[in-house]
Amino acid sequence: MSANVEAKEYRLDGLKWLVVVLLVAAGVVGNSYYSDVSVLYRVLALVAGGAVAVFVAVNTAKGNAFWGLLREAQAEFRRVVWPTRQEVNQTTLIVVAVVIVMSIILWLLDTFLGWLASLIIG
């Protein structure tokens, strides 16, 4: 059985990106121009305009590739084995202990080198 898979053809990508830029610019200018209108209405208008801009952007070749990357990242995120609370606590304690030990070592080294420099300089 052979599957005939046709690649999706994206037309007028440049024009679509221009529409996206114009929608974002209209949101910025409109938000500034209508500053006397309630913030709720401006936010709703910006969310609606942003949704339209995202819809147009996803219908381009690069936008569709980015959307596919997000879907793959989400699938990979589900496969991650997260550490237990005990493992997190133990790792945190180890890091804190190493930081304390290293800070004491560096403090001693700094004190020794300062003492040595004061002997040499006089």
PDB file of N, CA and C in Angstrom:
ATOM      1  N   MET A   1       0.834  -1.149   0.000  1.00  0.00           N
ATOM      2  CA  MET A   1       0.000   0.000   0.000  1.00  0.00           C
ATOM      3  C   MET A   1       0.898   1.237   0.000  1.00  0.00           C
ATOM      4  N   SER A   2       0.766   2.068  -0.967  1.00  0.00           N
ATOM      5  CA  SER A   2       1.584   3.276  -1.019  1.00  0.00           C
ATOM      6  C   SER A   2       0.706   4.478  -0.699  1.00  0.00           C
ATOM      7  N   ALA A   3       1.222   5.286   0.162  1.00  0.00           N
ATOM      8  CA  ALA A   3       0.480   6.481   0.555  1.00  0.00           C
ATOM      9  C   ALA A   3       0.991   7.655  -0.261  1.00  0.00           C
ATOM     10  N   ASN A   4       0.075   8.317  -0.884  1.00  0.00           N
ATOM     11  CA  ASN A   4       0.428   9.478  -1.676  1.00  0.00           C
ATOM     12  C   ASN A   4       0.219  10.709  -0.804  1.00  0.00           C
ATOM     13  N   VAL A   5       1.313  11.198  -0.249  1.00  0.00           N
ATOM     14  CA  VAL A   5       1.232  12.351   0.635  1.00  0.00           C
ATOM     15  C   VAL A   5       1.646  13.579  -0.150  1.00  0.00           C
ATOM     16  N   GLU A   6       0.747  14.529  -0.206  1.00  0.00           N
ATOM     17  CA  GLU A   6       1.057  15.767  -0.907  1.00  0.00           C
ATOM     18  C   GLU A   6       1.454  16.825   0.108  1.00  0.00           C
ATOM     19  N   ALA A   7       2.510  17.525  -0.204  1.00  0.00           N
ATOM     20  CA  ALA A   7       2.952  18.598   0.683  1.00  0.00           C
ATOM     21  C   ALA A   7       1.980  19.765   0.567  1.00  0.00           C
ATOM     22  N   LYS A   8       1.659  20.353   1.711  1.00  0.00           N
ATOM     23  CA  LYS A   8       0.745  21.477   1.717  1.00  0.00           C
ATOM     24  C   LYS A   8       1.428  22.664   1.063  1.00  0.00           C
ATOM     25  N   GLU A   9       0.714  23.317   0.199  1.00  0.00           N
ATOM     26  CA  GLU A   9       1.289  24.439  -0.538  1.00  0.00           C
ATOM     27  C   GLU A   9       0.893  25.743   0.147  1.00  0.00           C
ATOM     28  N   TYR A  10       1.865  26.561   0.423  1.00  0.00           N
ATOM     29  CA  TYR A  10       1.619  27.846   1.074  1.00  0.00           C
ATOM     30  C   TYR A  10       1.784  28.943   0.035  1.00  0.00           C
ATOM     31  N   ARG A  11       0.735  29.704  -0.145  1.00  0.00           N
ATOM     32  CA  ARG A  11       0.774  30.785  -1.126  1.00  0.00           C
ATOM     33  C   ARG A  11       0.677  32.120  -0.405  1.00  0.00           C
ATOM     34  N   LEU A  12       1.259  33.091  -0.977  1.00  0.00           N
ATOM     35  CA  LEU A  12       1.188  34.468  -0.494  1.00  0.00           C
ATOM     36  C   LEU A  12       1.666  34.611   0.954  1.00  0.00           C
ATOM     37  N   ASP A  13       2.748  33.918   1.287  1.00  0.00           N
ATOM     38  CA  ASP A  13       3.263  33.991   2.650  1.00  0.00           C
ATOM     39  C   ASP A  13       3.679  35.414   3.024  1.00  0.00           C
ATOM     40  N   GLY A  14       4.305  36.110   2.108  1.00  0.00           N
ATOM     41  CA  GLY A  14       4.724  37.488   2.392  1.00  0.00           C
ATOM     42  C   GLY A  14       3.542  38.382   2.710  1.00  0.00           C
ATOM     43  N   LEU A  15       2.462  38.215   1.967  1.00  0.00           N
ATOM     44  CA  LEU A  15       1.256  39.007   2.215  1.00  0.00           C
ATOM     45  C   LEU A  15       0.636  38.647   3.567  1.00  0.00           C
ATOM     46  N   LYS A  16       0.663  37.371   3.920  1.00  0.00           N
ATOM     47  CA  LYS A  16       0.120  36.946   5.214  1.00  0.00           C
ATOM     48  C   LYS A  16       0.934  37.544   6.357  1.00  0.00           C
ATOM     49  N   TRP A  17       2.264  37.553   6.227  1.00  0.00           N
ATOM     50  CA  TRP A  17       3.083  38.147   7.287  1.00  0.00           C
ATOM     51  C   TRP A  17       2.855  39.652   7.368  1.00  0.00           C
ATOM     52  N   LEU A  18       2.599  40.297   6.232  1.00  0.00           N
ATOM     53  CA  LEU A  18       2.271  41.717   6.241  1.00  0.00           C
ATOM     54  C   LEU A  18       0.972  41.951   6.999  1.00  0.00           C
ATOM     55  N   VAL A  19      -0.014  41.078   6.794  1.00  0.00           N
ATOM     56  CA  VAL A  19      -1.287  41.186   7.520  1.00  0.00           C
ATOM     57  C   VAL A  19      -1.049  41.010   9.022  1.00  0.00           C
ATOM     58  N   VAL A  20      -0.187  40.068   9.396  1.00  0.00           N
ATOM     59  CA  VAL A  20       0.117  39.854  10.815  1.00  0.00           C
ATOM     60  C   VAL A  20       0.744  41.113  11.410  1.00  0.00           C
ATOM     61  N   VAL A  21       1.707  41.694  10.712  1.00  0.00           N
ATOM     62  CA  VAL A  21       2.368  42.903  11.213  1.00  0.00           C
ATOM     63  C   VAL A  21       1.366  44.046  11.315  1.00  0.00           C
ATOM     64  N   LEU A  22       0.493  44.172  10.321  1.00  0.00           N
ATOM     65  CA  LEU A  22      -0.516  45.238  10.363  1.00  0.00           C
ATOM     66  C   LEU A  22      -1.504  45.032  11.508  1.00  0.00           C
ATOM     67  N   LEU A  23      -1.878  43.789  11.783  1.00  0.00           N
ATOM     68  CA  LEU A  23      -2.775  43.517  12.908  1.00  0.00           C
ATOM     69  C   LEU A  23      -2.124  43.872  14.245  1.00  0.00           C
ATOM     70  N   VAL A  24      -0.862  43.529  14.402  1.00  0.00           N
ATOM     71  CA  VAL A  24      -0.152  43.866  15.635  1.00  0.00           C
ATOM     72  C   VAL A  24      -0.007  45.385  15.761  1.00  0.00           C
ATOM     73  N   ALA A  25       0.353  46.044  14.661  1.00  0.00           N
ATOM     74  CA  ALA A  25       0.487  47.506  14.685  1.00  0.00           C
ATOM     75  C   ALA A  25      -0.858  48.162  14.989  1.00  0.00           C
ATOM     76  N   ALA A  26      -1.939  47.639  14.412  1.00  0.00           N
ATOM     77  CA  ALA A  26      -3.266  48.186  14.686  1.00  0.00           C
ATOM     78  C   ALA A  26      -3.623  48.005  16.159  1.00  0.00           C
ATOM     79  N   GLY A  27      -3.225  46.888  16.752  1.00  0.00           N
ATOM     80  CA  GLY A  27      -3.476  46.686  18.175  1.00  0.00           C
ATOM     81  C   GLY A  27      -2.731  47.689  19.031  1.00  0.00           C
ATOM     82  N   VAL A  28      -1.476  47.943  18.698  1.00  0.00           N
ATOM     83  CA  VAL A  28      -0.667  48.890  19.472  1.00  0.00           C
ATOM     84  C   VAL A  28      -1.230  50.304  19.335  1.00  0.00           C
ATOM     85  N   VAL A  29      -1.493  50.714  18.102  1.00  0.00           N
ATOM     86  CA  VAL A  29      -2.011  52.059  17.867  1.00  0.00           C
ATOM     87  C   VAL A  29      -3.416  52.203  18.444  1.00  0.00           C
ATOM     88  N   GLY A  30      -4.256  51.186  18.244  1.00  0.00           N
ATOM     89  CA  GLY A  30      -5.620  51.246  18.766  1.00  0.00           C
ATOM     90  C   GLY A  30      -5.656  51.302  20.278  1.00  0.00           C
ATOM     91  N   ASN A  31      -4.777  50.565  20.940  1.00  0.00           N
ATOM     92  CA  ASN A  31      -4.715  50.591  22.396  1.00  0.00           C
ATOM     93  C   ASN A  31      -4.329  51.975  22.891  1.00  0.00           C
ATOM     94  N   SER A  32      -3.427  52.633  22.179  1.00  0.00           N
ATOM     95  CA  SER A  32      -3.022  53.979  22.561  1.00  0.00           C
ATOM     96  C   SER A  32      -4.116  54.996  22.230  1.00  0.00           C
ATOM     97  N   TYR A  33      -4.733  54.860  21.072  1.00  0.00           N
ATOM     98  CA  TYR A  33      -5.747  55.824  20.609  1.00  0.00           C
ATOM     99  C   TYR A  33      -6.994  55.761  21.480  1.00  0.00           C
ATOM    100  N   TYR A  34      -7.399  54.569  21.872  1.00  0.00           N
ATOM    101  CA  TYR A  34      -8.601  54.398  22.675  1.00  0.00           C
ATOM    102  C   TYR A  34      -8.265  54.257  24.159  1.00  0.00           C
ATOM    103  N   SER A  35      -7.342  55.052  24.648  1.00  0.00           N
ATOM    104  CA  SER A  35      -6.929  54.954  26.043  1.00  0.00           C
ATOM    105  C   SER A  35      -8.034  55.352  27.011  1.00  0.00           C
ATOM    106  N   ASP A  36      -9.039  56.102  26.537  1.00  0.00           N
ATOM    107  CA  ASP A  36     -10.134  56.504  27.406  1.00  0.00           C
ATOM    108  C   ASP A  36     -11.194  55.409  27.571  1.00  0.00           C
ATOM    109  N   VAL A  37     -11.134  54.366  26.736  1.00  0.00           N
ATOM    110  CA  VAL A  37     -12.074  53.248  26.819  1.00  0.00           C
ATOM    111  C   VAL A  37     -11.625  52.321  27.945  1.00  0.00           C
ATOM    112  N   SER A  38     -12.566  51.596  28.518  1.00  0.00           N
ATOM    113  CA  SER A  38     -12.280  50.689  29.620  1.00  0.00           C
ATOM    114  C   SER A  38     -11.174  49.693  29.243  1.00  0.00           C
ATOM    115  N   VAL A  39     -10.343  49.377  30.229  1.00  0.00           N
ATOM    116  CA  VAL A  39      -9.226  48.457  29.998  1.00  0.00           C
ATOM    117  C   VAL A  39      -9.739  47.078  29.591  1.00  0.00           C
ATOM    118  N   LEU A  40     -10.859  46.674  30.153  1.00  0.00           N
ATOM    119  CA  LEU A  40     -11.421  45.362  29.819  1.00  0.00           C
ATOM    120  C   LEU A  40     -11.711  45.253  28.326  1.00  0.00           C
ATOM    121  N   TYR A  41     -12.336  46.265  27.753  1.00  0.00           N
ATOM    122  CA  TYR A  41     -12.665  46.230  26.322  1.00  0.00           C
ATOM    123  C   TYR A  41     -11.410  46.262  25.461  1.00  0.00           C
ATOM    124  N   ARG A  42     -10.418  47.044  25.894  1.00  0.00           N
ATOM    125  CA  ARG A  42      -9.167  47.087  25.123  1.00  0.00           C
ATOM    126  C   ARG A  42      -8.445  45.744  25.171  1.00  0.00           C
ATOM    127  N   VAL A  43      -8.440  45.103  26.339  1.00  0.00           N
ATOM    128  CA  VAL A  43      -7.786  43.795  26.460  1.00  0.00           C
ATOM    129  C   VAL A  43      -8.508  42.765  25.608  1.00  0.00           C
ATOM    130  N   LEU A  44      -9.842  42.775  25.644  1.00  0.00           N
ATOM    131  CA  LEU A  44     -10.608  41.837  24.820  1.00  0.00           C
ATOM    132  C   LEU A  44     -10.335  42.059  23.333  1.00  0.00           C
ATOM    133  N   ALA A  45     -10.249  43.327  22.924  1.00  0.00           N
ATOM    134  CA  ALA A  45      -9.944  43.620  21.521  1.00  0.00           C
ATOM    135  C   ALA A  45      -8.532  43.159  21.160  1.00  0.00           C
ATOM    136  N   LEU A  46      -7.580  43.360  22.066  1.00  0.00           N
ATOM    137  CA  LEU A  46      -6.211  42.920  21.789  1.00  0.00           C
ATOM    138  C   LEU A  46      -6.113  41.397  21.728  1.00  0.00           C
ATOM    139  N   VAL A  47      -6.840  40.710  22.600  1.00  0.00           N
ATOM    140  CA  VAL A  47      -6.822  39.239  22.567  1.00  0.00           C
ATOM    141  C   VAL A  47      -7.444  38.738  21.272  1.00  0.00           C
ATOM    142  N   ALA A  48      -8.549  39.346  20.859  1.00  0.00           N
ATOM    143  CA  ALA A  48      -9.196  38.942  19.608  1.00  0.00           C
ATOM    144  C   ALA A  48      -8.280  39.219  18.413  1.00  0.00           C
ATOM    145  N   GLY A  49      -7.668  40.395  18.384  1.00  0.00           N
ATOM    146  CA  GLY A  49      -6.742  40.718  17.298  1.00  0.00           C
ATOM    147  C   GLY A  49      -5.525  39.818  17.296  1.00  0.00           C
ATOM    148  N   GLY A  50      -5.038  39.490  18.486  1.00  0.00           N
ATOM    149  CA  GLY A  50      -3.904  38.572  18.584  1.00  0.00           C
ATOM    150  C   GLY A  50      -4.254  37.181  18.100  1.00  0.00           C
ATOM    151  N   ALA A  51      -5.482  36.740  18.413  1.00  0.00           N
ATOM    152  CA  ALA A  51      -5.915  35.422  17.948  1.00  0.00           C
ATOM    153  C   ALA A  51      -6.002  35.383  16.431  1.00  0.00           C
ATOM    154  N   VAL A  52      -6.509  36.441  15.845  1.00  0.00           N
ATOM    155  CA  VAL A  52      -6.580  36.502  14.378  1.00  0.00           C
ATOM    156  C   VAL A  52      -5.173  36.527  13.787  1.00  0.00           C
ATOM    157  N   ALA A  53      -4.273  37.283  14.393  1.00  0.00           N
ATOM    158  CA  ALA A  53      -2.891  37.352  13.902  1.00  0.00           C
ATOM    159  C   ALA A  53      -2.208  35.994  13.996  1.00  0.00           C
ATOM    160  N   VAL A  54      -2.431  35.277  15.093  1.00  0.00           N
ATOM    161  CA  VAL A  54      -1.845  33.942  15.241  1.00  0.00           C
ATOM    162  C   VAL A  54      -2.430  32.995  14.207  1.00  0.00           C
ATOM    163  N   PHE A  55      -3.733  33.080  13.969  1.00  0.00           N
ATOM    164  CA  PHE A  55      -4.367  32.219  12.964  1.00  0.00           C
ATOM    165  C   PHE A  55      -3.768  32.465  11.582  1.00  0.00           C
ATOM    166  N   VAL A  56      -3.571  33.720  11.238  1.00  0.00           N
ATOM    167  CA  VAL A  56      -2.985  34.044   9.929  1.00  0.00           C
ATOM    168  C   VAL A  56      -1.530  33.572   9.886  1.00  0.00           C
ATOM    169  N   ALA A  57      -0.790  33.764  10.981  1.00  0.00           N
ATOM    170  CA  ALA A  57       0.629  33.376  10.994  1.00  0.00           C
ATOM    171  C   ALA A  57       0.798  31.870  10.899  1.00  0.00           C
ATOM    172  N   VAL A  58      -0.104  31.104  11.517  1.00  0.00           N
ATOM    173  CA  VAL A  58       0.014  29.647  11.482  1.00  0.00           C
ATOM    174  C   VAL A  58      -0.257  29.115  10.076  1.00  0.00           C
ATOM    175  N   ASN A  59      -0.943  29.875   9.264  1.00  0.00           N
ATOM    176  CA  ASN A  59      -1.237  29.443   7.895  1.00  0.00           C
ATOM    177  C   ASN A  59      -0.123  29.790   6.915  1.00  0.00           C
ATOM    178  N   THR A  60       1.059  30.117   7.435  1.00  0.00           N
ATOM    179  CA  THR A  60       2.232  30.304   6.588  1.00  0.00           C
ATOM    180  C   THR A  60       3.161  29.102   6.776  1.00  0.00           C
ATOM    181  N   ALA A  61       4.140  28.974   5.932  1.00  0.00           N
ATOM    182  CA  ALA A  61       5.061  27.834   6.018  1.00  0.00           C
ATOM    183  C   ALA A  61       5.839  27.865   7.335  1.00  0.00           C
ATOM    184  N   LYS A  62       6.427  29.007   7.661  1.00  0.00           N
ATOM    185  CA  LYS A  62       7.205  29.107   8.899  1.00  0.00           C
ATOM    186  C   LYS A  62       6.310  29.005  10.131  1.00  0.00           C
ATOM    187  N   GLY A  63       5.134  29.582  10.064  1.00  0.00           N
ATOM    188  CA  GLY A  63       4.211  29.493  11.185  1.00  0.00           C
ATOM    189  C   GLY A  63       3.752  28.069  11.430  1.00  0.00           C
ATOM    190  N   ASN A  64       3.499  27.327  10.360  1.00  0.00           N
ATOM    191  CA  ASN A  64       3.080  25.933  10.502  1.00  0.00           C
ATOM    192  C   ASN A  64       4.234  25.083  11.047  1.00  0.00           C
ATOM    193  N   ALA A  65       5.447  25.374  10.618  1.00  0.00           N
ATOM    194  CA  ALA A  65       6.606  24.646  11.137  1.00  0.00           C
ATOM    195  C   ALA A  65       6.778  24.931  12.626  1.00  0.00           C
ATOM    196  N   PHE A  66       6.582  26.186  13.045  1.00  0.00           N
ATOM    197  CA  PHE A  66       6.686  26.540  14.461  1.00  0.00           C
ATOM    198  C   PHE A  66       5.584  25.862  15.257  1.00  0.00           C
ATOM    199  N   TRP A  67       4.382  25.807  14.723  1.00  0.00           N
ATOM    200  CA  TRP A  67       3.272  25.140  15.397  1.00  0.00           C
ATOM    201  C   TRP A  67       3.574  23.648  15.569  1.00  0.00           C
ATOM    202  N   GLY A  68       4.158  23.037  14.545  1.00  0.00           N
ATOM    203  CA  GLY A  68       4.557  21.629  14.642  1.00  0.00           C
ATOM    204  C   GLY A  68       5.619  21.430  15.708  1.00  0.00           C
ATOM    205  N   LEU A  69       6.560  22.363  15.795  1.00  0.00           N
ATOM    206  CA  LEU A  69       7.593  22.291  16.828  1.00  0.00           C
ATOM    207  C   LEU A  69       6.963  22.363  18.218  1.00  0.00           C
ATOM    208  N   LEU A  70       5.978  23.234  18.404  1.00  0.00           N
ATOM    209  CA  LEU A  70       5.299  23.329  19.697  1.00  0.00           C
ATOM    210  C   LEU A  70       4.565  22.040  20.042  1.00  0.00           C
ATOM    211  N   ARG A  71       3.924  21.415  19.053  1.00  0.00           N
ATOM    212  CA  ARG A  71       3.224  20.145  19.312  1.00  0.00           C
ATOM    213  C   ARG A  71       4.214  19.048  19.694  1.00  0.00           C
ATOM    214  N   GLU A  72       5.353  18.991  19.002  1.00  0.00           N
ATOM    215  CA  GLU A  72       6.369  17.992  19.330  1.00  0.00           C
ATOM    216  C   GLU A  72       6.961  18.243  20.713  1.00  0.00           C
ATOM    217  N   ALA A  73       7.160  19.513  21.066  1.00  0.00           N
ATOM    218  CA  ALA A  73       7.692  19.842  22.389  1.00  0.00           C
ATOM    219  C   ALA A  73       6.706  19.434  23.474  1.00  0.00           C
ATOM    220  N   GLN A  74       5.425  19.631  23.225  1.00  0.00           N
ATOM    221  CA  GLN A  74       4.417  19.235  24.203  1.00  0.00           C
ATOM    222  C   GLN A  74       4.405  17.714  24.379  1.00  0.00           C
ATOM    223  N   ALA A  75       4.531  16.985  23.279  1.00  0.00           N
ATOM    224  CA  ALA A  75       4.569  15.526  23.371  1.00  0.00           C
ATOM    225  C   ALA A  75       5.815  15.067  24.127  1.00  0.00           C
ATOM    226  N   GLU A  76       6.935  15.723  23.889  1.00  0.00           N
ATOM    227  CA  GLU A  76       8.173  15.385  24.593  1.00  0.00           C
ATOM    228  C   GLU A  76       8.065  15.729  26.076  1.00  0.00           C
ATOM    229  N   PHE A  77       7.390  16.813  26.377  1.00  0.00           N
ATOM    230  CA  PHE A  77       7.200  17.237  27.763  1.00  0.00           C
ATOM    231  C   PHE A  77       6.410  16.199  28.546  1.00  0.00           C
ATOM    232  N   ARG A  78       5.471  15.552  27.892  1.00  0.00           N
ATOM    233  CA  ARG A  78       4.678  14.509  28.559  1.00  0.00           C
ATOM    234  C   ARG A  78       5.514  13.271  28.865  1.00  0.00           C
ATOM    235  N   ARG A  79       6.570  13.039  28.085  1.00  0.00           N
ATOM    236  CA  ARG A  79       7.394  11.841  28.272  1.00  0.00           C
ATOM    237  C   ARG A  79       8.478  12.010  29.331  1.00  0.00           C
ATOM    238  N   VAL A  80       8.649  13.221  29.846  1.00  0.00           N
ATOM    239  CA  VAL A  80       9.684  13.475  30.836  1.00  0.00           C
ATOM    240  C   VAL A  80       9.327  12.766  32.137  1.00  0.00           C
ATOM    241  N   VAL A  81      10.329  12.126  32.744  1.00  0.00           N
ATOM    242  CA  VAL A  81      10.136  11.496  34.039  1.00  0.00           C
ATOM    243  C   VAL A  81      10.588  12.495  35.096  1.00  0.00           C
ATOM    244  N   TRP A  82       9.623  13.017  35.836  1.00  0.00           N
ATOM    245  CA  TRP A  82       9.931  14.039  36.820  1.00  0.00           C
ATOM    246  C   TRP A  82      10.408  13.396  38.118  1.00  0.00           C
ATOM    247  N   PRO A  83      11.342  14.045  38.811  1.00  0.00           N
ATOM    248  CA  PRO A  83      11.848  13.476  40.067  1.00  0.00           C
ATOM    249  C   PRO A  83      10.779  13.542  41.168  1.00  0.00           C
ATOM    250  N   THR A  84      10.924  12.645  42.119  1.00  0.00           N
ATOM    251  CA  THR A  84      10.005  12.642  43.254  1.00  0.00           C
ATOM    252  C   THR A  84      10.391  13.767  44.225  1.00  0.00           C
ATOM    253  N   ARG A  85       9.521  14.019  45.170  1.00  0.00           N
ATOM    254  CA  ARG A  85       9.792  15.065  46.160  1.00  0.00           C
ATOM    255  C   ARG A  85      11.050  14.737  46.965  1.00  0.00           C
ATOM    256  N   GLN A  86      11.231  13.472  47.282  1.00  0.00           N
ATOM    257  CA  GLN A  86      12.411  13.054  48.049  1.00  0.00           C
ATOM    258  C   GLN A  86      13.687  13.298  47.239  1.00  0.00           C
ATOM    259  N   GLU A  87      13.669  12.973  45.966  1.00  0.00           N
ATOM    260  CA  GLU A  87      14.851  13.205  45.120  1.00  0.00           C
ATOM    261  C   GLU A  87      15.162  14.693  45.011  1.00  0.00           C
ATOM    262  N   VAL A  88      14.134  15.515  44.891  1.00  0.00           N
ATOM    263  CA  VAL A  88      14.346  16.963  44.802  1.00  0.00           C
ATOM    264  C   VAL A  88      14.951  17.483  46.104  1.00  0.00           C
ATOM    265  N   ASN A  89      14.412  17.025  47.247  1.00  0.00           N
ATOM    266  CA  ASN A  89      14.940  17.476  48.538  1.00  0.00           C
ATOM    267  C   ASN A  89      16.392  17.050  48.731  1.00  0.00           C
ATOM    268  N   GLN A  90      16.715  15.814  48.377  1.00  0.00           N
ATOM    269  CA  GLN A  90      18.087  15.337  48.530  1.00  0.00           C
ATOM    270  C   GLN A  90      19.048  16.111  47.631  1.00  0.00           C
ATOM    271  N   THR A  91      18.649  16.349  46.398  1.00  0.00           N
ATOM    272  CA  THR A  91      19.509  17.094  45.471  1.00  0.00           C
ATOM    273  C   THR A  91      19.712  18.523  45.955  1.00  0.00           C
ATOM    274  N   THR A  92      18.648  19.128  46.466  1.00  0.00           N
ATOM    275  CA  THR A  92      18.757  20.491  46.976  1.00  0.00           C
ATOM    276  C   THR A  92      19.708  20.551  48.165  1.00  0.00           C
ATOM    277  N   LEU A  93      19.599  19.587  49.074  1.00  0.00           N
ATOM    278  CA  LEU A  93      20.496  19.565  50.227  1.00  0.00           C
ATOM    279  C   LEU A  93      21.945  19.362  49.803  1.00  0.00           C
ATOM    280  N   ILE A  94      22.174  18.522  48.811  1.00  0.00           N
ATOM    281  CA  ILE A  94      23.543  18.312  48.312  1.00  0.00           C
ATOM    282  C   ILE A  94      24.097  19.603  47.732  1.00  0.00           C
ATOM    283  N   VAL A  95      23.284  20.318  46.956  1.00  0.00           N
ATOM    284  CA  VAL A  95      23.743  21.579  46.356  1.00  0.00           C
ATOM    285  C   VAL A  95      24.045  22.602  47.445  1.00  0.00           C
ATOM    286  N   VAL A  96      23.177  22.716  48.436  1.00  0.00           N
ATOM    287  CA  VAL A  96      23.405  23.671  49.530  1.00  0.00           C
ATOM    288  C   VAL A  96      24.691  23.308  50.273  1.00  0.00           C
ATOM    289  N   ALA A  97      24.915  22.023  50.549  1.00  0.00           N
ATOM    290  CA  ALA A  97      26.125  21.597  51.254  1.00  0.00           C
ATOM    291  C   ALA A  97      27.377  21.922  50.450  1.00  0.00           C
ATOM    292  N   VAL A  98      27.357  21.663  49.161  1.00  0.00           N
ATOM    293  CA  VAL A  98      28.522  21.948  48.315  1.00  0.00           C
ATOM    294  C   VAL A  98      28.788  23.449  48.264  1.00  0.00           C
ATOM    295  N   VAL A  99      27.727  24.253  48.186  1.00  0.00           N
ATOM    296  CA  VAL A  99      27.909  25.707  48.163  1.00  0.00           C
ATOM    297  C   VAL A  99      28.528  26.187  49.470  1.00  0.00           C
ATOM    298  N   ILE A 100      28.073  25.661  50.592  1.00  0.00           N
ATOM    299  CA  ILE A 100      28.638  26.070  51.888  1.00  0.00           C
ATOM    300  C   ILE A 100      30.099  25.667  51.985  1.00  0.00           C
ATOM    301  N   VAL A 101      30.420  24.430  51.611  1.00  0.00           N
ATOM    302  CA  VAL A 101      31.812  23.960  51.684  1.00  0.00           C
ATOM    303  C   VAL A 101      32.702  24.792  50.757  1.00  0.00           C
ATOM    304  N   MET A 102      32.247  25.045  49.549  1.00  0.00           N
ATOM    305  CA  MET A 102      33.067  25.824  48.617  1.00  0.00           C
ATOM    306  C   MET A 102      33.229  27.262  49.088  1.00  0.00           C
ATOM    307  N   SER A 103      32.208  27.837  49.704  1.00  0.00           N
ATOM    308  CA  SER A 103      32.343  29.209  50.191  1.00  0.00           C
ATOM    309  C   SER A 103      33.340  29.275  51.351  1.00  0.00           C
ATOM    310  N   ILE A 104      33.359  28.268  52.209  1.00  0.00           N
ATOM    311  CA  ILE A 104      34.339  28.226  53.298  1.00  0.00           C
ATOM    312  C   ILE A 104      35.746  28.073  52.736  1.00  0.00           C
ATOM    313  N   ILE A 105      35.915  27.191  51.734  1.00  0.00           N
ATOM    314  CA  ILE A 105      37.235  27.001  51.109  1.00  0.00           C
ATOM    315  C   ILE A 105      37.710  28.296  50.463  1.00  0.00           C
ATOM    316  N   LEU A 106      36.826  28.973  49.735  1.00  0.00           N
ATOM    317  CA  LEU A 106      37.220  30.228  49.083  1.00  0.00           C
ATOM    318  C   LEU A 106      37.510  31.321  50.105  1.00  0.00           C
ATOM    319  N   TRP A 107      36.757  31.362  51.203  1.00  0.00           N
ATOM    320  CA  TRP A 107      37.013  32.346  52.257  1.00  0.00           C
ATOM    321  C   TRP A 107      38.396  32.108  52.881  1.00  0.00           C
ATOM    322  N   LEU A 108      38.707  30.825  53.165  1.00  0.00           N
ATOM    323  CA  LEU A 108      40.020  30.497  53.720  1.00  0.00           C
ATOM    324  C   LEU A 108      41.143  30.844  52.741  1.00  0.00           C
ATOM    325  N   LEU A 109      40.939  30.535  51.473  1.00  0.00           N
ATOM    326  CA  LEU A 109      41.942  30.852  50.462  1.00  0.00           C
ATOM    327  C   LEU A 109      42.134  32.359  50.352  1.00  0.00           C
ATOM    328  N   ASP A 110      41.051  33.116  50.379  1.00  0.00           N
ATOM    329  CA  ASP A 110      41.139  34.579  50.304  1.00  0.00           C
ATOM    330  C   ASP A 110      41.858  35.136  51.529  1.00  0.00           C
ATOM    331  N   THR A 111      41.548  34.608  52.687  1.00  0.00           N
ATOM    332  CA  THR A 111      42.207  35.061  53.915  1.00  0.00           C
ATOM    333  C   THR A 111      43.702  34.763  53.870  1.00  0.00           C
ATOM    334  N   PHE A 112      44.045  33.553  53.424  1.00  0.00           N
ATOM    335  CA  PHE A 112      45.461  33.178  53.337  1.00  0.00           C
ATOM    336  C   PHE A 112      46.204  34.052  52.333  1.00  0.00           C
ATOM    337  N   LEU A 113      45.628  34.241  51.155  1.00  0.00           N
ATOM    338  CA  LEU A 113      46.300  35.060  50.156  1.00  0.00           C
ATOM    339  C   LEU A 113      46.400  36.525  50.593  1.00  0.00           C
ATOM    340  N   GLY A 114      45.374  37.012  51.304  1.00  0.00           N
ATOM    341  CA  GLY A 114      45.452  38.379  51.839  1.00  0.00           C
ATOM    342  C   GLY A 114      46.556  38.498  52.872  1.00  0.00           C
ATOM    343  N   TRP A 115      46.681  37.518  53.746  1.00  0.00           N
ATOM    344  CA  TRP A 115      47.748  37.507  54.753  1.00  0.00           C
ATOM    345  C   TRP A 115      49.117  37.444  54.079  1.00  0.00           C
ATOM    346  N   LEU A 116      49.228  36.568  53.029  1.00  0.00           N
ATOM    347  CA  LEU A 116      50.489  36.446  52.291  1.00  0.00           C
ATOM    348  C   LEU A 116      50.845  37.757  51.588  1.00  0.00           C
ATOM    349  N   ALA A 117      49.870  38.410  51.002  1.00  0.00           N
ATOM    350  CA  ALA A 117      50.127  39.687  50.316  1.00  0.00           C
ATOM    351  C   ALA A 117      50.546  40.756  51.309  1.00  0.00           C
ATOM    352  N   SER A 118      49.935  40.758  52.482  1.00  0.00           N
ATOM    353  CA  SER A 118      50.316  41.778  53.483  1.00  0.00           C
ATOM    354  C   SER A 118      51.741  41.533  54.010  1.00  0.00           C
ATOM    355  N   LEU A 119      52.192  40.262  54.059  1.00  0.00           N
ATOM    356  CA  LEU A 119      53.566  39.981  54.447  1.00  0.00           C
ATOM    357  C   LEU A 119      54.555  40.473  53.392  1.00  0.00           C
ATOM    358  N   ILE A 120      54.195  40.283  52.113  1.00  0.00           N
ATOM    359  CA  ILE A 120      55.097  40.677  51.036  1.00  0.00           C
ATOM    360  C   ILE A 120      55.144  42.200  50.908  1.00  0.00           C
ATOM    361  N   ILE A 121      53.981  42.827  50.948  1.00  0.00           N
ATOM    362  CA  ILE A 121      53.927  44.280  50.765  1.00  0.00           C
ATOM    363  C   ILE A 121      54.450  44.990  52.013  1.00  0.00           C
ATOM    364  N   GLY A 122      54.147  44.461  53.141  1.00  0.00           N
ATOM    365  CA  GLY A 122      54.696  45.031  54.364  1.00  0.00           C
ATOM    366  C   GLY A 122      53.664  45.783  55.075  1.00  0.00           C
TER     367      GLY A 122
END
